[in-house]
């Protein structure tokens, strides 16, 4: 049976803890782009503005306990809705 787990990471410590798995996943990608790598994501995490209207997160999907997908997100809310 296929088991999927989705976890949202939103702290620097959590992002750092993902590095070994992220690097392993990146090595397995057929067509690599620097923007998919851990170094790019951590640089963005450090450099993007952090305000009460922004959120930095990484969504991780594990298949049977193995990291299968990562989705780094930077969410910025503008104005009031």
Protein backbone atom coordinates (compact mmCIF):
# COMPACT_ATOMS: atom_id res chain seq x y z
CA UNK A 1 0.00 0.00 0.00
CA UNK A 2 1.30 3.43 -0.97
CA UNK A 3 1.59 5.80 1.96
CA UNK A 4 1.87 9.56 1.40
CA UNK A 5 2.70 12.08 4.09
CA UNK A 6 2.65 15.86 3.57
CA UNK A 7 4.49 18.10 6.03
CA UNK A 8 4.88 21.88 6.02
CA UNK A 9 8.23 23.14 7.31
CA UNK A 10 8.38 26.80 8.24
CA UNK A 11 11.40 27.33 10.48
CA UNK A 12 15.08 27.72 9.65
CA UNK A 13 15.98 24.71 11.83
CA UNK A 14 13.47 22.51 10.00
CA UNK A 15 14.84 23.64 6.64
CA UNK A 16 18.40 22.83 7.73
CA UNK A 17 17.33 19.38 8.90
CA UNK A 18 16.01 18.63 5.39
CA UNK A 19 19.42 19.20 3.74
CA UNK A 20 20.63 15.57 3.49
CA UNK A 21 17.32 14.35 2.07
CA UNK A 22 16.97 17.41 -0.19
CA UNK A 23 20.46 16.86 -1.60
CA UNK A 24 19.74 13.17 -2.22
CA UNK A 25 16.46 14.00 -3.98
CA UNK A 26 18.22 16.66 -6.09
CA UNK A 27 20.93 14.19 -7.16
CA UNK A 28 18.19 11.91 -8.50
CA UNK A 29 16.57 14.56 -10.70
CA UNK A 30 17.15 13.92 -14.40
CA UNK A 31 17.22 17.56 -15.50
CA UNK A 32 18.73 19.58 -12.69
CA UNK A 33 18.24 23.29 -12.31
CA UNK A 34 20.11 25.28 -9.69
CA UNK A 35 16.80 26.72 -8.55
CA UNK A 36 15.74 23.26 -7.35
CA UNK A 37 18.68 22.86 -4.99
CA UNK A 38 19.00 23.32 -1.26
CA UNK A 39 21.59 26.12 -1.64
CA UNK A 40 19.22 28.21 -3.76
CA UNK A 41 16.33 27.73 -1.35
CA UNK A 42 18.38 28.60 1.73
CA UNK A 43 19.79 31.70 0.05
CA UNK A 44 16.26 32.81 -0.83
CA UNK A 45 15.12 32.01 2.71
CA UNK A 46 17.84 34.28 4.13
CA UNK A 47 17.44 37.09 1.60
CA UNK A 48 13.69 37.45 1.04
CA UNK A 49 11.96 40.04 3.24
CA UNK A 50 10.35 38.70 6.38
CA UNK A 51 7.39 40.72 7.61
CA UNK A 52 4.07 40.04 9.25
CA UNK A 53 2.61 39.80 5.71
CA UNK A 54 5.02 37.16 4.42
CA UNK A 55 5.58 33.48 5.05
CA UNK A 56 8.36 31.18 3.96
CA UNK A 57 7.57 27.47 3.88
CA UNK A 58 8.65 24.22 2.30
CA UNK A 59 6.05 21.56 1.63
CA UNK A 60 7.56 18.08 1.72
CA UNK A 61 5.86 14.95 0.43
CA UNK A 62 7.11 11.55 1.54
CA UNK A 63 6.15 8.32 -0.16
CA UNK A 64 6.41 5.37 2.23
CA UNK A 65 8.73 7.47 4.40
CA UNK A 66 11.07 8.54 1.58
CA UNK A 67 11.21 12.18 0.46
CA UNK A 68 9.58 12.33 -2.98
CA UNK A 69 8.74 16.01 -3.55
CA UNK A 70 9.64 19.45 -2.20
CA UNK A 71 7.85 22.70 -2.88
CA UNK A 72 9.46 25.87 -1.48
CA UNK A 73 6.96 28.71 -1.13
CA UNK A 74 7.18 32.41 -0.42
CA UNK A 75 3.75 33.85 0.28
CA UNK A 76 3.20 37.59 0.46
CA UNK A 77 -0.13 39.16 1.33
CA UNK A 78 -0.75 42.59 -0.09
CA UNK A 79 -3.60 44.81 1.05
CA UNK A 80 -6.52 43.62 3.11
CA UNK A 81 -9.20 41.26 1.86
